[in-house]
Amino acid sequence: MIFRFLVMRNLVFALLLSGSLLAQEDEPSSPAEADLMALVEKINTKFKAGPPAGDRAEFFAEEIGAFTDLRTKYAGERSEDVAAISLVQASFHAQVLEDLDFALTVLNELVEEFPGTEAAGAATNAIASVERQAQQATLHERLIGAPAPELDFTWATADGLTHLSDLRGKVVVLDFWATWCGPCVRSFPQVRELTEHYAGSAVEVVGVTSLQGRVHGLEPAPIVVRDDPAKEHALMNDYIAKMDINWTIAFSEQEVFNPDYGITGIPHMAIVAPDGTLRHVGLHPAMPHDQKLALIDALLEEFELPVPEV
């Protein structure tokens, strides 16, 4: 996904700074660490230039080969710093290149070759994460181009909106969220900007949530409204006013962590075409504004609908 590539631009460097897989000193503690940090810096430099226009594997061909060269160079050593080379390589392939199969191969080799190391422990945890990511990616692939799973709305700020299918004929941007979700709330300015850009057009932005039994953000402590949907709906009106929400908000019968959309975390943005097919899933509302516009404008053009002027 476009957003995943962008937000992961510092993932490898962050991995070096987290925990103690590599020394937290001004100078590298070993030649292996020095070589790995140099490679990470090279990758980050490329990231700063923006995502590749074409094939990522081709774009990063030199860096892919450099990881292999480093593992060959230090093949006879069994230190934490050498193990970290494989761990960062696997992270790079999983998160940047989205080559999950190769990432799993590297992680399993790491566990086998570096038993008892901190890196091997991290790799064991990462294997489970990558396997889940692979399952989610498979689901997303099946969803794209298929009819968008129906959403049944029990309450909405838009008059008469009871089903997602009611919006057929428009590009629908679904933003799955909840009041307790900090990243969701922090992305409100971007969602507001998107809504303003497409005001009066054939684009509908819908913030989809579900009954949570509590409402955050209105008072210092969450307001508990368990088993009282009417009160939660009423408080949502107050929340909308306080947060200056200018897009449609709707409660769905389906949980906000909707498995039909492959949602394992929020915020989670999906885009539905005017014909009701799901075209994009797994996006983040805080992805760059121009990239969201590109995805939406492409659908407007495909269905010969007016595209707002920038």
Protein backbone atom coordinates (compact mmCIF):
# COMPACT_ATOMS: atom_id res chain seq x y z
CA MET A 1 0.00 0.00 0.00
CA ILE A 2 1.15 3.54 -0.72
CA PHE A 3 0.76 4.69 2.86
CA ARG A 4 2.58 1.69 4.29
CA PHE A 5 5.57 2.50 2.10
CA LEU A 6 5.61 6.11 3.26
CA VAL A 7 5.23 5.52 6.97
CA MET A 8 7.84 2.77 6.91
CA ARG A 9 10.50 5.06 5.45
CA ASN A 10 12.21 5.17 8.87
CA LEU A 11 11.18 1.70 10.04
CA VAL A 12 14.60 0.14 9.68
CA PHE A 13 16.32 3.05 11.37
CA ALA A 14 13.75 2.92 14.17
CA LEU A 15 14.53 -0.75 14.62
CA LEU A 16 18.17 0.13 15.20
CA LEU A 17 17.19 2.62 17.87
CA SER A 18 14.77 0.36 19.70
CA GLY A 19 15.81 -2.15 22.32
CA SER A 20 19.43 -3.21 22.48
CA LEU A 21 19.82 -5.20 19.30
CA LEU A 22 22.55 -2.76 18.37
CA ALA A 23 24.64 -0.70 20.75
CA GLN A 24 23.32 2.73 21.71
CA GLU A 25 26.70 4.44 21.43
CA ASP A 26 27.98 7.28 19.31
CA GLU A 27 30.29 4.90 17.50
CA PRO A 28 29.37 1.41 16.25
CA SER A 29 30.52 -1.31 18.63
CA SER A 30 31.56 -3.70 15.87
CA PRO A 31 32.35 -3.76 12.15
CA ALA A 32 29.06 -5.59 11.54
CA GLU A 33 27.10 -2.84 13.26
CA ALA A 34 28.98 -0.16 11.33
CA ASP A 35 28.25 -1.86 8.02
CA LEU A 36 24.58 -2.33 8.86
CA MET A 37 24.13 1.27 10.00
CA ALA A 38 25.74 2.49 6.78
CA LEU A 39 23.31 0.39 4.76
CA VAL A 40 20.35 1.65 6.77
CA GLU A 41 21.45 5.23 6.20
CA LYS A 42 21.65 4.55 2.48
CA ILE A 43 18.11 3.15 2.49
CA ASN A 44 16.80 6.14 4.45
CA THR A 45 18.42 8.52 1.98
CA LYS A 46 16.50 6.84 -0.83
CA PHE A 47 13.29 7.00 1.18
CA LYS A 48 13.65 10.75 1.58
CA ALA A 49 13.53 11.06 -2.19
CA GLY A 50 10.03 9.55 -2.14
CA PRO A 51 8.52 6.20 -3.14
CA PRO A 52 9.69 4.63 -6.40
CA ALA A 53 7.54 5.17 -9.46
CA GLY A 54 8.08 1.60 -10.63
CA ASP A 55 9.05 -1.73 -9.19
CA ARG A 56 10.37 -1.44 -5.61
CA ALA A 57 12.66 -4.44 -5.94
CA GLU A 58 14.30 -2.80 -8.94
CA PHE A 59 14.48 0.55 -7.14
CA PHE A 60 16.25 -1.06 -4.17
CA ALA A 61 18.21 -3.69 -6.13
CA GLU A 62 21.57 -2.46 -4.86
CA GLU A 63 20.43 -2.46 -1.23
CA ILE A 64 18.88 -5.92 -1.57
CA GLY A 65 22.21 -7.23 -2.78
CA ALA A 66 24.04 -5.38 0.00
CA PHE A 67 22.12 -7.31 2.67
CA THR A 68 23.14 -10.58 1.05
CA ASP A 69 26.76 -9.42 0.86
CA LEU A 70 26.76 -8.48 4.56
CA ARG A 71 25.38 -11.85 5.62
CA THR A 72 28.03 -13.58 3.51
CA LYS A 73 30.78 -11.36 4.91
CA TYR A 74 29.91 -12.21 8.53
CA ALA A 75 28.72 -15.78 7.95
CA GLY A 76 31.19 -17.22 10.45
CA GLU A 77 30.18 -14.95 13.35
CA ARG A 78 27.35 -15.53 15.82
CA SER A 79 27.05 -12.18 17.59
CA GLU A 80 23.98 -10.05 18.25
CA ASP A 81 25.23 -7.45 15.78
CA VAL A 82 25.52 -10.03 13.01
CA ALA A 83 22.10 -11.47 13.85
CA ALA A 84 20.68 -7.95 13.58
CA ILE A 85 21.65 -7.88 9.90
CA SER A 86 19.16 -10.66 9.19
CA LEU A 87 16.51 -9.07 11.39
CA VAL A 88 16.73 -5.74 9.59
CA GLN A 89 16.85 -7.50 6.23
CA ALA A 90 13.64 -9.35 7.02
CA SER A 91 11.96 -6.14 8.20
CA PHE A 92 13.05 -4.38 5.01
CA HIS A 93 11.62 -7.12 2.80
CA ALA A 94 8.36 -7.38 4.75
CA GLN A 95 7.55 -3.71 5.26
CA VAL A 96 9.18 -1.96 2.32
CA LEU A 97 9.31 -4.52 -0.48
CA GLU A 98 6.23 -6.38 0.82
CA ASP A 99 7.96 -9.67 0.03
CA LEU A 100 6.55 -11.58 2.97
CA ASP A 101 7.67 -15.03 1.82
CA PHE A 102 11.32 -13.99 1.66
CA ALA A 103 11.02 -12.19 4.99
CA LEU A 104 9.73 -15.37 6.64
CA THR A 105 12.60 -17.35 5.13
CA VAL A 106 15.16 -14.94 6.59
CA LEU A 107 13.48 -14.88 9.99
CA ASN A 108 13.35 -18.67 10.22
CA GLU A 109 17.02 -18.89 9.23
CA LEU A 110 17.85 -16.34 11.93
CA VAL A 111 16.08 -18.37 14.63
CA GLU A 112 17.92 -21.50 13.53
CA GLU A 113 21.37 -19.93 13.16
CA PHE A 114 21.37 -17.66 16.24
CA PRO A 115 19.64 -19.63 19.02
CA GLY A 116 19.46 -17.89 22.37
CA THR A 117 20.16 -14.42 21.01
CA GLU A 118 17.96 -11.40 21.55
CA ALA A 119 17.61 -11.10 17.79
CA ALA A 120 16.32 -14.67 17.56
CA GLY A 121 13.70 -13.87 20.19
CA ALA A 122 12.63 -10.81 18.24
CA ALA A 123 12.54 -12.90 15.07
CA THR A 124 10.24 -15.44 16.68
CA ASN A 125 7.76 -12.68 17.51
CA ALA A 126 8.19 -11.17 14.05
CA ILE A 127 7.37 -14.48 12.36
CA ALA A 128 3.90 -14.47 13.91
CA SER A 129 3.43 -10.84 12.89
CA VAL A 130 4.53 -11.43 9.29
CA GLU A 131 2.28 -14.47 9.01
CA ARG A 132 -0.67 -12.35 10.15
CA GLN A 133 0.37 -9.66 7.68
CA ALA A 134 0.48 -12.25 4.90
CA GLN A 135 -3.01 -13.44 5.75
CA GLN A 136 -4.29 -9.86 5.78
CA ALA A 137 -2.59 -9.11 2.45
CA THR A 138 -4.23 -12.18 0.92
CA LEU A 139 -7.63 -11.02 2.16
CA HIS A 140 -7.06 -7.51 0.82
CA GLU A 141 -6.15 -8.92 -2.59
CA ARG A 142 -9.41 -10.87 -2.67
CA LEU A 143 -11.39 -7.78 -1.67
CA ILE A 144 -10.02 -5.44 -4.33
CA GLY A 145 -12.39 -5.31 -7.29
CA ALA A 146 -15.09 -7.30 -5.53
CA PRO A 147 -18.39 -5.81 -4.33
CA ALA A 148 -17.77 -3.84 -1.15
CA PRO A 149 -19.13 -5.72 1.88
CA GLU A 150 -22.42 -4.20 2.92
CA LEU A 151 -22.50 -1.94 5.95
CA ASP A 152 -25.77 -1.51 7.81
CA PHE A 153 -26.04 1.81 9.60
CA THR A 154 -28.10 2.15 12.77
CA TRP A 155 -27.44 5.90 13.08
CA ALA A 156 -25.94 8.46 10.74
CA THR A 157 -25.63 12.20 10.44
CA ALA A 158 -26.74 12.00 6.80
CA ASP A 159 -30.52 11.81 6.44
CA GLY A 160 -31.78 8.48 5.13
CA LEU A 161 -28.41 6.73 5.16
CA THR A 162 -29.06 3.18 6.35
CA HIS A 163 -26.77 1.11 4.13
CA LEU A 164 -23.48 1.61 2.33
CA SER A 165 -25.26 0.64 -0.88
CA ASP A 166 -27.42 3.77 -0.51
CA LEU A 167 -24.38 5.70 -1.74
CA ARG A 168 -24.10 3.81 -5.03
CA GLY A 169 -23.14 6.22 -7.80
CA LYS A 170 -20.60 8.06 -5.65
CA VAL A 171 -16.99 7.47 -4.72
CA VAL A 172 -17.25 6.56 -1.04
CA VAL A 173 -14.31 7.06 1.29
CA LEU A 174 -14.79 4.93 4.41
CA ASP A 175 -12.80 5.95 7.47
CA PHE A 176 -13.16 3.34 10.22
CA TRP A 177 -12.54 4.96 13.60
CA ALA A 178 -13.53 5.30 17.29
CA THR A 179 -13.43 8.13 19.83
CA TRP A 180 -10.88 6.27 21.99
CA CYS A 181 -8.46 5.87 19.07
CA GLY A 182 -5.72 8.50 19.36
CA PRO A 183 -4.38 8.06 15.80
CA CYS A 184 -7.94 8.36 14.49
CA VAL A 185 -8.47 11.67 16.24
CA ARG A 186 -5.06 12.97 15.16
CA SER A 187 -6.01 12.30 11.53
CA PHE A 188 -9.15 14.47 11.72
CA PRO A 189 -7.45 17.49 10.10
CA GLN A 190 -6.57 15.38 7.06
CA VAL A 191 -10.09 13.95 6.81
CA ARG A 192 -11.52 17.46 7.17
CA GLU A 193 -9.26 18.71 4.38
CA LEU A 194 -10.32 15.84 2.14
CA THR A 195 -14.00 16.51 2.81
CA GLU A 196 -13.62 20.21 2.04
CA HIS A 197 -11.82 19.46 -1.22
CA TYR A 198 -14.66 17.26 -2.48
CA ALA A 199 -17.56 19.33 -1.13
CA GLY A 200 -20.41 19.34 -3.63
CA SER A 201 -18.89 16.55 -5.72
CA ALA A 202 -19.73 12.87 -6.23
CA VAL A 203 -17.49 11.91 -3.32
CA GLU A 204 -18.85 11.01 0.11
CA VAL A 205 -16.56 10.70 3.12
CA VAL A 206 -18.07 8.52 5.84
CA GLY A 207 -16.54 8.00 9.26
CA VAL A 208 -17.67 4.52 10.28
CA THR A 209 -17.71 3.51 13.92
CA SER A 210 -19.75 1.12 16.05
CA LEU A 211 -21.15 1.15 19.57
CA GLN A 212 -18.20 1.17 21.97
CA GLY A 213 -19.98 1.60 25.30
CA ARG A 214 -17.98 4.71 26.07
CA VAL A 215 -17.24 8.09 24.52
CA HIS A 216 -13.84 9.74 24.84
CA GLY A 217 -12.90 13.34 24.26
CA LEU A 218 -15.88 15.15 25.76
CA GLU A 219 -14.76 15.10 29.38
CA PRO A 220 -11.44 14.36 31.12
CA ALA A 221 -12.60 10.80 31.74
CA PRO A 222 -14.47 8.60 29.26
CA ILE A 223 -18.26 8.78 29.51
CA VAL A 224 -19.53 5.24 30.02
CA VAL A 225 -22.71 4.53 28.05
CA ARG A 226 -22.71 0.76 28.01
CA ASP A 227 -26.03 -0.76 26.85
CA ASP A 228 -27.41 2.69 26.06
CA PRO A 229 -27.14 3.23 22.28
CA ALA A 230 -29.43 6.27 22.33
CA LYS A 231 -27.14 8.06 24.77
CA GLU A 232 -24.03 7.13 22.80
CA HIS A 233 -25.64 8.47 19.64
CA ALA A 234 -26.64 11.69 21.40
CA LEU A 235 -23.12 12.17 22.75
CA MET A 236 -21.77 11.67 19.26
CA ASN A 237 -23.59 14.83 18.20
CA ASP A 238 -21.75 16.70 20.96
CA TYR A 239 -18.48 15.09 19.90
CA ILE A 240 -19.00 16.06 16.26
CA ALA A 241 -19.57 19.69 17.26
CA LYS A 242 -16.57 19.79 19.57
CA MET A 243 -14.22 18.20 17.03
CA ASP A 244 -15.52 20.26 14.09
CA ILE A 245 -16.29 17.14 12.06
CA ASN A 246 -17.63 18.12 8.65
CA TRP A 247 -17.97 14.64 7.15
CA THR A 248 -20.70 12.06 7.59
CA ILE A 249 -20.50 9.93 10.74
CA ALA A 250 -22.31 6.61 10.90
CA PHE A 251 -22.64 3.76 13.40
CA SER A 252 -22.63 0.36 11.73
CA GLU A 253 -24.20 -2.82 13.03
CA GLN A 254 -20.91 -4.47 12.15
CA GLU A 255 -18.00 -3.95 14.54
CA VAL A 256 -15.54 -1.22 13.60
CA PHE A 257 -12.89 -3.95 13.47
CA ASN A 258 -14.81 -5.37 10.56
CA PRO A 259 -13.31 -8.67 9.35
CA ASP A 260 -15.12 -8.33 6.03
CA TYR A 261 -12.78 -5.43 5.26
CA GLY A 262 -9.73 -7.11 6.80
CA ILE A 263 -9.55 -4.50 9.55
CA THR A 264 -7.17 -5.38 12.36
CA GLY A 265 -6.41 -1.82 13.46
CA ILE A 266 -7.86 1.65 13.17
CA PRO A 267 -7.85 4.15 11.63
CA HIS A 268 -8.40 2.17 8.45
CA MET A 269 -9.49 3.82 5.22
CA ALA A 270 -11.13 2.10 2.26
CA ILE A 271 -12.40 3.54 -1.02
CA VAL A 272 -15.47 2.26 -2.86
CA ALA A 273 -16.09 3.01 -6.54
CA PRO A 274 -19.43 4.35 -7.83
CA ASP A 275 -20.34 0.85 -9.04
CA GLY A 276 -20.04 -0.48 -5.49
CA THR A 277 -16.74 -2.31 -5.94
CA LEU A 278 -14.01 -1.98 -3.34
CA ARG A 279 -10.97 -0.42 -5.00
CA HIS A 280 -8.63 0.44 -2.14
CA VAL A 281 -8.31 -0.95 1.36
CA GLY A 282 -5.78 -0.75 4.17
CA LEU A 283 -5.10 2.96 3.67
CA HIS A 284 -4.53 5.50 6.44
CA PRO A 285 -6.42 8.81 6.50
CA ALA A 286 -3.18 10.64 7.26
CA MET A 287 -1.50 9.49 4.07
CA PRO A 288 -0.37 12.48 1.95
CA HIS A 289 -3.29 14.55 0.70
CA ASP A 290 -2.18 14.54 -2.93
CA GLN A 291 -1.98 10.75 -2.94
CA LYS A 292 -5.52 10.42 -1.62
CA LEU A 293 -6.66 12.86 -4.31
CA ALA A 294 -4.92 10.81 -7.00
CA LEU A 295 -6.74 7.63 -5.97
CA ILE A 296 -10.14 9.33 -5.75
CA ASP A 297 -9.76 11.48 -8.88
CA ALA A 298 -8.82 8.37 -10.88
CA LEU A 299 -12.16 6.80 -9.92
CA LEU A 300 -14.08 9.97 -10.78
CA GLU A 301 -12.44 10.01 -14.21
CA GLU A 302 -13.06 6.28 -14.73
CA PHE A 303 -16.78 6.78 -14.16
CA GLU A 304 -16.86 10.08 -16.06
CA LEU A 305 -17.76 12.13 -13.01
CA PRO A 306 -16.58 15.73 -12.51
CA VAL A 307 -13.20 16.14 -10.84
CA PRO A 308 -12.95 19.19 -8.57
CA GLU A 309 -10.35 21.76 -9.51
CA VAL A 310 -7.35 21.95 -7.22
